[in-house]
Amino acid sequence: MAERSPVKFGTDGWRGIIADDFTYENVRAAASAIGHYILKHEKPEQGVCIGYDTRFGSPRFARLVAEVLAGAGIPVKLANRVTPTPALSFAVREQKAAGGVMITSSHNPFQWNGVKYKASYGGSGSPAIIGQIETFLGEPLPVAAKPAEIVETDFVPDYVAAIEKFADLDKIAKSGLKFGVDCMYGAGSGILAAIFDKIGVDYVEIRAEHNPLFPHINPEPIEPHIKAMQDTVVREKCAAGLVTDGDADRIGAVDEHGNFIDPHKIYSVILEWLLSRKGWPGDVTRAFNTTCMLDRICAAYGRKIHEHGIGFKYVVDLMLTEDILIGGEESGGIGISKHLPERDGLLNALLLANIMAEEGKTLGQLVAGLQAKYGEHQYGRIDLHINDDLKNATIAKAKAGVKEIGGMAVQKVETLDGIKFYLDNPEAKSKPNAAKTWLLLRASGTEPLLRIYSESTSKESVEKLLEAAREFAMNSLN
């Protein structure tokens, strides 16, 4: 019987704190489980692609995974430089590899690192695949009579060529727009800048140097971490700021006035454009914690929308089994199936520039147009770093039955992934086409963390609900 492993795969692989639980020993354990899965369920002779980001120790951890897999007789192509996650996924699919491993902790603080598994189709491992990998944790991996070859490879050029082809660079080049580009010290550094240089687009790039300490920020493209981009856009008179996270699979944005444009609005802008301008077929997916504006856009164009659990692996599952045009999640991960069944912050940044150029509108104007057409939707999130006892007590209290929150009566409760309260908001009665008001509590399965999300018809009611939920959580043991 396998020994219990400290490695636990969550919604998108395994993450841990460097030198605490993210150790050489545990990375070997994760690699061994992945190796078992590939030997049993994939075509191991087709090899594995391995990439890494800018985090502390990432190149060494990637080499370690390569050595474990090669030792089991699985050929490896190992990145020869920092690589965005979508570039690694693109390589897996295009090179027909058995799978891929990305060493990254995405948007987490600098102390963290992680192991993401990418399946042969070029996207996050589906829930079924991740479940199978977990069954091998603690099982010793067979050692081949002769280790397979490890070949260092540059995965980036082919990927860049693909996203350049997907977006309309000619329209962007002719737009006369100036962009801010924020790499957040991550794996996206220099990529958008090189594309803009190539087509003669004016831009200002910030935080492009590799710094594993991510000074003063988490590499997550949301407030307050995008403050430097907000300031840059205003100072440099940019039409928009385009931000990618630590491994460049997620996107954030800033409008021409320096206002943060949350991922929900980005997803909505891209979706509206795909449906109105491209007319490509397919359904739409959204995670349980994303904006209901997407539902209204889909209704307007007669498209079916699928709601699913939190984590991009659920988007991938649907892309593999249904006719899906686009799928996304709250944290800025958006995937378009014609490109990859994968989040891609760099492609989506290019598409935002493409949309602005094609529509002849600023990013702020695009968002304002959506709010006018589909009703004002405002969104907020807070992360409570609390101990497991308080986290679990909060969820238990919420499950026990709640009649009102923040002075708003609970109308309906859903429990697809966390506990979501739909609320009777008096403010909505005075607004035309008012957004639904909801609040979601979700406990992390891997961290002492409770995430609280809310959407409503004004920023004020969102803030009121988030504060009410904070008090609810902090008093759950009383």
Protein backbone atom coordinates (compact mmCIF):
# COMPACT_ATOMS: atom_id res chain seq x y z
CA MET A 1 0.00 0.00 0.00
CA ALA A 2 1.28 3.48 -0.92
CA GLU A 3 2.43 5.74 1.88
CA ARG A 4 0.45 8.93 2.42
CA SER A 5 2.10 11.76 0.45
CA PRO A 6 2.31 15.41 1.54
CA VAL A 7 1.66 16.32 -2.10
CA LYS A 8 -1.96 17.19 -2.88
CA PHE A 9 -3.17 18.23 -6.31
CA GLY A 10 -5.73 21.04 -6.21
CA THR A 11 -7.69 22.78 -8.98
CA ASP A 12 -4.57 23.25 -11.10
CA GLY A 13 -1.80 21.02 -9.85
CA TRP A 14 0.13 21.08 -6.57
CA ARG A 15 1.56 24.13 -4.84
CA GLY A 16 3.60 24.54 -1.71
CA ILE A 17 5.85 26.89 0.22
CA ILE A 18 9.46 26.64 -0.92
CA ALA A 19 11.71 24.77 1.54
CA ASP A 20 8.72 24.00 3.78
CA ASP A 21 6.62 21.54 1.79
CA PHE A 22 7.84 22.43 -1.71
CA THR A 23 11.08 20.47 -1.33
CA TYR A 24 13.20 18.34 -3.64
CA GLU A 25 11.78 15.22 -2.01
CA ASN A 26 8.16 16.27 -2.54
CA VAL A 27 8.78 17.50 -6.08
CA ARG A 28 10.23 14.07 -6.83
CA ALA A 29 7.07 12.52 -5.37
CA ALA A 30 4.87 14.66 -7.62
CA ALA A 31 7.05 13.86 -10.65
CA SER A 32 6.93 10.16 -9.81
CA ALA A 33 3.11 10.18 -9.71
CA ILE A 34 3.02 11.98 -13.06
CA GLY A 35 5.49 9.44 -14.47
CA HIS A 36 3.30 6.56 -13.31
CA TYR A 37 0.28 8.13 -14.99
CA ILE A 38 2.14 8.65 -18.28
CA LEU A 39 3.52 5.10 -18.30
CA LYS A 40 0.10 3.60 -17.67
CA HIS A 41 -2.34 5.88 -19.52
CA GLU A 42 -0.42 7.80 -22.22
CA LYS A 43 2.18 7.03 -24.89
CA PRO A 44 5.41 7.51 -22.93
CA GLU A 45 7.61 7.11 -26.00
CA GLN A 46 6.23 10.47 -27.23
CA GLY A 47 7.94 12.17 -24.32
CA VAL A 48 7.14 15.03 -21.98
CA CYS A 49 7.72 18.79 -22.31
CA ILE A 50 8.83 20.61 -19.14
CA GLY A 51 8.86 24.38 -18.58
CA TYR A 52 9.48 26.76 -15.71
CA ASP A 53 8.81 30.36 -14.64
CA THR A 54 10.85 33.05 -12.86
CA ARG A 55 10.34 31.80 -9.31
CA PHE A 56 13.15 30.93 -6.95
CA GLY A 57 14.55 27.51 -7.82
CA SER A 58 12.23 26.91 -10.78
CA PRO A 59 14.99 25.89 -13.25
CA ARG A 60 16.43 23.41 -10.76
CA PHE A 61 13.02 21.97 -9.88
CA ALA A 62 12.26 21.56 -13.59
CA ARG A 63 15.57 19.74 -14.09
CA LEU A 64 14.70 17.49 -11.14
CA VAL A 65 11.34 16.53 -12.68
CA ALA A 66 13.12 15.87 -15.98
CA GLU A 67 15.59 13.54 -14.27
CA VAL A 68 12.82 11.58 -12.53
CA LEU A 69 10.86 11.08 -15.75
CA ALA A 70 13.92 10.32 -17.85
CA GLY A 71 14.99 7.81 -15.21
CA ALA A 72 11.75 5.94 -15.85
CA GLY A 73 12.52 5.83 -19.56
CA ILE A 74 10.33 8.78 -20.62
CA PRO A 75 12.08 11.16 -23.07
CA VAL A 76 12.07 14.80 -21.99
CA LYS A 77 12.23 18.13 -23.76
CA LEU A 78 13.29 20.64 -21.11
CA ALA A 79 12.89 24.40 -21.58
CA ASN A 80 16.18 26.21 -22.05
CA ARG A 81 14.76 29.48 -20.72
CA VAL A 82 11.87 30.92 -18.72
CA THR A 83 8.65 29.92 -20.48
CA PRO A 84 5.04 31.11 -20.16
CA THR A 85 2.61 28.35 -19.20
CA PRO A 86 0.56 28.69 -22.42
CA ALA A 87 3.76 28.33 -24.46
CA LEU A 88 4.49 25.06 -22.68
CA SER A 89 0.93 23.86 -23.31
CA PHE A 90 1.17 24.84 -26.97
CA ALA A 91 4.39 22.83 -27.30
CA VAL A 92 2.78 19.76 -25.71
CA ARG A 93 -0.02 19.77 -28.27
CA GLU A 94 1.98 20.76 -31.34
CA GLN A 95 4.79 18.30 -30.64
CA LYS A 96 2.29 15.54 -29.83
CA ALA A 97 3.92 14.93 -26.46
CA ALA A 98 2.46 12.51 -23.94
CA GLY A 99 2.07 15.42 -21.52
CA GLY A 100 3.76 18.40 -19.96
CA VAL A 101 4.92 19.70 -16.59
CA MET A 102 5.15 23.37 -15.71
CA ILE A 103 7.06 24.51 -12.62
CA THR A 104 5.19 27.58 -11.44
CA SER A 105 2.99 28.87 -8.69
CA SER A 106 1.27 31.25 -11.06
CA HIS A 107 -0.04 34.26 -9.11
CA ASN A 108 0.87 33.11 -5.57
CA PRO A 109 3.25 35.09 -3.33
CA PHE A 110 7.00 34.68 -3.84
CA GLN A 111 7.37 32.03 -1.12
CA TRP A 112 5.36 29.55 -3.19
CA ASN A 113 6.16 27.29 -6.11
CA GLY A 114 4.21 24.52 -7.78
CA VAL A 115 3.84 21.74 -10.30
CA LYS A 116 1.16 21.98 -13.01
CA TYR A 117 0.35 19.01 -15.20
CA LYS A 118 -0.56 19.62 -18.84
CA ALA A 119 -2.26 16.83 -20.76
CA SER A 120 -1.50 15.72 -24.32
CA TYR A 121 -4.24 17.98 -25.75
CA GLY A 122 -2.35 21.09 -24.57
CA GLY A 123 -4.29 22.16 -21.50
CA SER A 124 -4.77 21.59 -17.79
CA GLY A 125 -5.26 18.00 -16.77
CA SER A 126 -8.96 17.23 -16.54
CA PRO A 127 -10.44 16.30 -13.14
CA ALA A 128 -10.30 12.63 -14.19
CA ILE A 129 -6.61 12.86 -15.13
CA ILE A 130 -5.65 14.72 -11.95
CA GLY A 131 -7.56 12.11 -9.94
CA GLN A 132 -5.62 9.32 -11.63
CA ILE A 133 -2.28 11.04 -10.99
CA GLU A 134 -3.14 11.35 -7.30
CA THR A 135 -3.72 7.60 -7.01
CA PHE A 136 -0.01 7.07 -7.75
CA LEU A 137 1.28 9.39 -5.00
CA GLY A 138 3.63 7.44 -2.75
CA GLU A 139 4.12 4.62 -5.28
CA PRO A 140 7.78 4.05 -6.23
CA LEU A 141 8.36 4.74 -9.92
CA PRO A 142 9.97 1.92 -11.94
CA VAL A 143 13.53 2.67 -13.04
CA ALA A 144 14.41 2.04 -16.68
CA ALA A 145 17.46 -0.03 -17.59
CA LYS A 146 18.73 3.04 -19.44
CA PRO A 147 17.57 6.62 -18.73
CA ALA A 148 15.85 8.42 -21.59
CA GLU A 149 17.33 11.53 -23.16
CA ILE A 150 16.80 15.06 -21.83
CA VAL A 151 16.97 17.61 -24.65
CA GLU A 152 16.99 21.33 -23.91
CA THR A 153 14.47 23.15 -26.13
CA ASP A 154 13.16 26.67 -26.73
CA PHE A 155 9.35 26.43 -26.68
CA VAL A 156 8.70 30.16 -27.08
CA PRO A 157 9.20 31.05 -30.80
CA ASP A 158 6.54 28.68 -32.19
CA TYR A 159 4.06 29.82 -29.56
CA VAL A 160 4.66 33.51 -30.33
CA ALA A 161 4.14 32.83 -34.03
CA ALA A 162 0.79 31.20 -33.22
CA ILE A 163 -0.59 34.10 -31.16
CA GLU A 164 0.66 36.60 -33.74
CA LYS A 165 -1.36 34.71 -36.35
CA PHE A 166 -4.46 34.46 -34.13
CA ALA A 167 -4.73 38.21 -33.48
CA ASP A 168 -5.00 40.83 -36.24
CA LEU A 169 -1.64 42.57 -35.83
CA ASP A 170 -2.26 44.74 -38.88
CA LYS A 171 -5.29 46.34 -37.23
CA ILE A 172 -3.33 46.93 -34.03
CA ALA A 173 -0.43 48.43 -35.98
CA LYS A 174 -2.69 50.88 -37.82
CA SER A 175 -4.64 51.92 -34.72
CA GLY A 176 -2.13 54.48 -33.47
CA LEU A 177 -2.82 53.27 -29.92
CA LYS A 178 -0.20 53.27 -27.17
CA PHE A 179 -0.21 50.51 -24.58
CA GLY A 180 1.19 49.88 -21.15
CA VAL A 181 2.59 46.37 -20.61
CA ASP A 182 3.15 44.98 -17.11
CA CYS A 183 4.87 41.59 -16.85
CA MET A 184 4.81 41.53 -13.00
CA TYR A 185 8.40 40.15 -13.00
CA GLY A 186 7.01 36.99 -14.55
CA ALA A 187 7.33 34.65 -17.49
CA GLY A 188 5.60 37.01 -19.93
CA SER A 189 8.54 39.40 -19.90
CA GLY A 190 9.50 40.81 -23.26
CA ILE A 191 6.96 38.87 -25.32
CA LEU A 192 4.29 41.53 -25.94
CA ALA A 193 7.07 44.13 -26.15
CA ALA A 194 8.77 42.18 -28.93
CA ILE A 195 5.50 41.83 -30.85
CA PHE A 196 4.77 45.55 -30.52
CA ASP A 197 8.32 46.38 -31.59
CA LYS A 198 7.90 44.17 -34.64
CA ILE A 199 4.71 45.93 -35.81
CA GLY A 200 5.70 49.45 -34.75
CA VAL A 201 3.23 49.93 -31.91
CA ASP A 202 4.09 52.42 -29.18
CA TYR A 203 4.24 50.91 -25.67
CA VAL A 204 5.76 51.25 -22.21
CA GLU A 205 6.86 48.02 -20.53
CA ILE A 206 7.29 47.79 -16.76
CA ARG A 207 8.44 45.09 -14.31
CA ALA A 208 9.93 43.03 -17.13
CA GLU A 209 13.08 42.04 -15.22
CA HIS A 210 13.10 38.60 -13.61
CA ASN A 211 12.93 39.00 -9.84
CA PRO A 212 11.85 35.93 -7.83
CA LEU A 213 10.95 38.15 -4.84
CA PHE A 214 8.23 39.95 -6.86
CA PRO A 215 9.03 43.07 -4.80
CA HIS A 216 6.05 44.60 -3.00
CA ILE A 217 3.45 42.56 -4.92
CA ASN A 218 1.96 39.16 -5.54
CA PRO A 219 2.20 38.52 -9.30
CA GLU A 220 -1.58 38.54 -9.63
CA PRO A 221 -3.10 41.04 -12.09
CA ILE A 222 -5.63 42.58 -9.71
CA GLU A 223 -5.66 45.47 -7.24
CA PRO A 224 -3.54 46.47 -5.36
CA HIS A 225 -0.76 44.68 -7.26
CA ILE A 226 -1.38 46.56 -10.53
CA LYS A 227 -0.93 50.03 -8.98
CA ALA A 228 2.33 50.58 -10.90
CA MET A 229 0.52 49.89 -14.17
CA GLN A 230 -2.32 52.24 -13.25
CA ASP A 231 0.16 55.03 -12.57
CA THR A 232 2.10 54.29 -15.76
CA VAL A 233 -0.98 54.37 -18.00
CA VAL A 234 -2.00 57.78 -16.70
CA ARG A 235 1.52 59.24 -16.74
CA GLU A 236 2.38 57.93 -20.20
CA LYS A 237 -1.07 58.61 -21.69
CA CYS A 238 -1.64 55.01 -22.76
CA ALA A 239 -4.92 53.80 -24.27
CA ALA A 240 -4.86 50.78 -21.93
CA GLY A 241 -2.59 48.76 -19.68
CA LEU A 242 -2.18 45.02 -20.34
CA VAL A 243 -1.04 42.89 -17.39
CA THR A 244 -0.03 39.23 -17.21
CA ASP A 245 0.51 37.18 -14.06
CA GLY A 246 3.56 35.23 -12.90
CA ASP A 247 3.34 32.50 -15.54
CA ALA A 248 1.46 34.62 -18.12
CA ASP A 249 -1.66 32.48 -18.36
CA ARG A 250 -3.93 35.10 -16.74
CA ILE A 251 -4.77 38.64 -17.79
CA GLY A 252 -5.57 41.89 -16.01
CA ALA A 253 -6.13 45.32 -17.50
CA VAL A 254 -6.25 49.05 -16.80
CA ASP A 255 -8.30 51.53 -18.80
CA GLU A 256 -7.09 54.86 -20.18
CA HIS A 257 -7.96 56.64 -16.93
CA GLY A 258 -6.00 54.20 -14.77
CA ASN A 259 -9.10 52.34 -13.59
CA PHE A 260 -8.71 48.64 -12.89
CA ILE A 261 -10.74 46.52 -15.31
CA ASP A 262 -11.54 43.29 -13.52
CA PRO A 263 -11.25 39.92 -15.30
CA HIS A 264 -15.04 39.64 -15.54
CA LYS A 265 -15.20 42.75 -17.71
CA ILE A 266 -12.26 41.52 -19.80
CA TYR A 267 -14.01 38.19 -20.39
CA SER A 268 -17.24 40.02 -21.25
CA VAL A 269 -15.47 42.34 -23.74
CA ILE A 270 -13.80 39.40 -25.49
CA LEU A 271 -17.00 37.32 -25.52
CA GLU A 272 -19.12 40.13 -26.96
CA TRP A 273 -16.51 40.68 -29.70
CA LEU A 274 -16.26 36.99 -30.57
CA LEU A 275 -20.04 36.71 -30.90
CA SER A 276 -20.70 40.01 -32.66
CA ARG A 277 -17.64 40.26 -34.92
CA LYS A 278 -16.39 36.71 -35.42
CA GLY A 279 -19.64 34.80 -35.11
CA TRP A 280 -17.72 31.62 -34.34
CA PRO A 281 -19.91 28.70 -33.23
CA GLY A 282 -19.93 27.07 -29.83
CA ASP A 283 -21.18 27.32 -26.29
CA VAL A 284 -19.65 29.34 -23.46
CA THR A 285 -18.47 28.27 -20.01
CA ARG A 286 -18.00 30.17 -16.80
CA ALA A 287 -16.88 29.26 -13.31
CA PHE A 288 -19.23 29.42 -10.33
CA ASN A 289 -17.60 32.64 -9.09
CA THR A 290 -17.81 34.66 -12.31
CA THR A 291 -20.08 37.46 -13.47
CA CYS A 292 -23.68 36.90 -14.48
CA MET A 293 -23.13 39.46 -17.26
CA LEU A 294 -21.83 36.53 -19.30
CA ASP A 295 -25.25 34.87 -19.03
CA ARG A 296 -26.90 38.00 -20.41
CA ILE A 297 -24.47 38.25 -23.33
CA CYS A 298 -25.07 34.60 -24.19
CA ALA A 299 -28.84 35.09 -24.00
CA ALA A 300 -28.61 38.05 -26.37
CA TYR A 301 -26.81 35.92 -28.98
CA GLY A 302 -28.68 32.69 -28.36
CA ARG A 303 -25.68 30.84 -26.95
CA LYS A 304 -25.78 28.20 -24.24
CA ILE A 305 -23.67 28.88 -21.14
CA HIS A 306 -22.30 26.12 -18.92
CA GLU A 307 -21.63 26.89 -15.25
CA HIS A 308 -18.97 24.75 -13.57
CA GLY A 309 -16.71 24.44 -10.55
CA ILE A 310 -13.77 26.73 -9.84
CA GLY A 311 -10.56 25.78 -11.63
CA PHE A 312 -9.67 25.82 -15.30
CA LYS A 313 -9.61 22.02 -15.44
CA TYR A 314 -13.42 22.17 -15.53
CA VAL A 315 -13.28 24.43 -18.59
CA VAL A 316 -10.95 21.93 -20.23
CA ASP A 317 -13.27 19.04 -19.39
CA LEU A 318 -16.12 20.80 -21.20
CA MET A 319 -13.91 21.79 -24.14
CA LEU A 320 -13.04 18.13 -24.61
CA THR A 321 -16.62 16.90 -24.47
CA GLU A 322 -18.78 19.76 -25.82
CA ASP A 323 -18.63 22.32 -28.63
CA ILE A 324 -17.17 25.18 -26.59
CA LEU A 325 -16.10 28.51 -28.08
CA ILE A 326 -14.62 30.12 -24.96
CA GLY A 327 -14.34 29.38 -21.28
CA GLY A 328 -13.09 31.32 -18.30
CA GLU A 329 -12.79 31.91 -14.61
CA GLU A 330 -12.80 34.73 -12.08
CA SER A 331 -9.05 35.06 -11.78
CA GLY A 332 -8.39 36.16 -15.37
CA GLY A 333 -7.93 32.75 -16.94
CA ILE A 334 -9.68 32.73 -20.32
CA GLY A 335 -9.28 30.09 -23.02
CA ILE A 336 -10.46 30.09 -26.64
CA SER A 337 -10.77 26.59 -28.09
CA LYS A 338 -9.65 27.58 -31.61
CA HIS A 339 -6.27 28.38 -30.03
CA LEU A 340 -5.81 26.03 -27.09
CA PRO A 341 -7.92 24.42 -24.35
CA GLU A 342 -5.84 26.56 -22.01
CA ARG A 343 -5.70 29.96 -20.32
CA ASP A 344 -3.55 32.43 -22.20
CA GLY A 345 -2.92 35.88 -20.75
CA LEU A 346 -0.62 36.93 -23.58
CA LEU A 347 -3.07 36.03 -26.34
CA ASN A 348 -5.92 37.71 -24.51
CA ALA A 349 -3.83 40.86 -24.07
CA LEU A 350 -3.26 40.92 -27.83
CA LEU A 351 -6.99 40.35 -28.41
CA LEU A 352 -7.90 43.30 -26.18
CA ALA A 353 -5.60 45.49 -28.29
CA ASN A 354 -7.18 43.95 -31.42
CA ILE A 355 -10.72 44.70 -30.18
CA MET A 356 -9.88 48.29 -29.29
CA ALA A 357 -8.35 48.80 -32.73
CA GLU A 358 -11.26 47.19 -34.57
CA GLU A 359 -14.00 48.96 -32.60
CA GLY A 360 -12.20 52.29 -32.54
CA LYS A 361 -12.86 52.59 -28.81
CA THR A 362 -10.81 52.84 -25.66
CA LEU A 363 -10.98 50.04 -23.13
CA GLY A 364 -13.01 52.26 -20.82
CA GLN A 365 -15.52 52.93 -23.60
CA LEU A 366 -15.85 49.21 -24.38
CA VAL A 367 -16.64 48.42 -20.74
CA ALA A 368 -19.07 51.34 -20.44
CA GLY A 369 -20.88 50.07 -23.52
CA LEU A 370 -21.34 46.65 -21.96
CA GLN A 371 -22.60 48.14 -18.69
CA ALA A 372 -25.14 50.24 -20.60
CA LYS A 373 -26.33 47.29 -22.69
CA TYR A 374 -26.44 44.53 -20.08
CA GLY A 375 -26.84 46.45 -16.82
CA GLU A 376 -24.25 47.67 -14.34
CA HIS A 377 -22.28 44.76 -12.88
CA GLN A 378 -19.76 45.46 -10.11
CA TYR A 379 -17.56 42.83 -8.52
CA GLY A 380 -15.28 42.39 -5.54
CA ARG A 381 -13.27 39.72 -3.73
CA ILE A 382 -11.40 39.46 -0.46
CA ASP A 383 -9.10 36.68 0.75
CA LEU A 384 -9.14 35.91 4.45
CA HIS A 385 -5.97 34.19 5.64
CA ILE A 386 -7.44 32.44 8.66
CA ASN A 387 -6.66 29.18 10.42
CA ASP A 388 -8.41 25.98 9.37
CA ASP A 389 -10.62 25.90 12.48
CA LEU A 390 -12.10 29.31 11.70
CA LYS A 391 -12.31 28.55 7.99
CA ASN A 392 -14.18 25.30 8.58
CA ALA A 393 -16.44 26.88 11.19
CA THR A 394 -17.41 29.61 8.72
CA ILE A 395 -18.44 27.06 6.10
CA ALA A 396 -20.34 25.00 8.65
CA LYS A 397 -22.18 28.10 9.88
CA ALA A 398 -23.06 29.08 6.30
CA LYS A 399 -24.35 25.57 5.56
CA ALA A 400 -26.47 25.58 8.70
CA GLY A 401 -28.75 28.21 7.16
CA VAL A 402 -28.46 31.96 6.74
CA LYS A 403 -31.53 34.17 6.37
CA GLU A 404 -29.84 37.51 5.66
CA ILE A 405 -26.44 39.03 5.01
CA GLY A 406 -25.64 42.73 5.09
CA GLY A 407 -29.28 43.53 5.63
CA MET A 408 -30.30 41.68 2.46
CA ALA A 409 -32.61 38.67 2.62
CA VAL A 410 -31.33 35.37 1.19
CA GLN A 411 -33.47 34.34 -1.77
CA LYS A 412 -31.63 31.25 -2.95
CA VAL A 413 -28.57 29.18 -2.04
CA GLU A 414 -26.37 27.20 -4.45
CA THR A 415 -23.52 24.85 -3.47
CA LEU A 416 -21.82 23.86 -6.73
CA ASP A 417 -18.40 24.95 -5.40
CA GLY A 418 -18.60 26.75 -2.07
CA ILE A 419 -21.77 28.38 -0.74
CA LYS A 420 -23.41 31.04 -2.87
CA PHE A 421 -26.20 33.27 -1.59
CA TYR A 422 -28.45 35.14 -4.00
CA LEU A 423 -29.75 38.19 -2.18
CA ASP A 424 -32.71 40.56 -2.34
CA ASN A 425 -31.00 43.90 -2.87
CA PRO A 426 -33.38 46.88 -2.40
CA GLU A 427 -31.03 49.02 -4.50
CA ALA A 428 -31.71 46.85 -7.54
CA LYS A 429 -35.36 47.87 -7.62
CA SER A 430 -34.44 51.42 -8.63
CA LYS A 431 -32.00 50.44 -11.39
CA PRO A 432 -32.96 49.40 -14.91
CA ASN A 433 -31.70 45.93 -15.89
CA ALA A 434 -30.04 45.57 -12.48
CA ALA A 435 -27.43 42.89 -11.99
CA LYS A 436 -28.19 39.95 -9.74
CA THR A 437 -26.74 40.36 -6.25
CA TRP A 438 -24.84 37.39 -4.88
CA LEU A 439 -22.19 36.46 -2.31
CA LEU A 440 -19.98 33.35 -2.39
CA LEU A 441 -17.94 31.79 0.42
CA ARG A 442 -15.34 29.24 -0.63
CA ALA A 443 -12.70 27.56 1.50
CA SER A 444 -9.40 26.63 -0.09
CA GLY A 445 -8.75 22.90 -0.04
CA THR A 446 -4.99 23.36 0.15
CA GLU A 447 -4.40 26.56 2.18
CA PRO A 448 -5.64 28.21 5.43
CA LEU A 449 -7.63 30.59 3.26
CA LEU A 450 -11.26 31.61 2.83
CA ARG A 451 -12.19 33.48 -0.35
CA ILE A 452 -15.23 35.72 -0.42
CA TYR A 453 -16.69 36.92 -3.72
CA SER A 454 -19.58 39.23 -4.48
CA GLU A 455 -21.32 40.78 -7.46
CA SER A 456 -24.00 43.43 -7.34
CA THR A 457 -25.40 46.46 -9.09
CA SER A 458 -23.07 49.01 -7.46
CA LYS A 459 -19.60 49.17 -5.92
CA GLU A 460 -21.14 50.32 -2.64
CA SER A 461 -23.35 47.25 -2.23
CA VAL A 462 -20.44 44.95 -3.15
CA GLU A 463 -18.26 46.54 -0.46
CA LYS A 464 -21.10 46.32 2.05
CA LEU A 465 -21.58 42.61 1.39
CA LEU A 466 -17.88 41.78 1.51
CA GLU A 467 -17.54 43.51 4.87
CA ALA A 468 -20.63 41.74 6.21
CA ALA A 469 -19.19 38.42 5.07
CA ARG A 470 -15.84 39.23 6.73
CA GLU A 471 -17.61 39.83 10.04
CA PHE A 472 -19.64 36.65 9.55
CA ALA A 473 -16.44 34.65 9.11
CA MET A 474 -14.43 36.22 11.93
CA ASN A 475 -17.25 35.58 14.40
CA SER A 476 -17.96 32.02 13.34
CA LEU A 477 -16.38 30.44 16.43
CA ASN A 478 -18.33 32.66 18.84
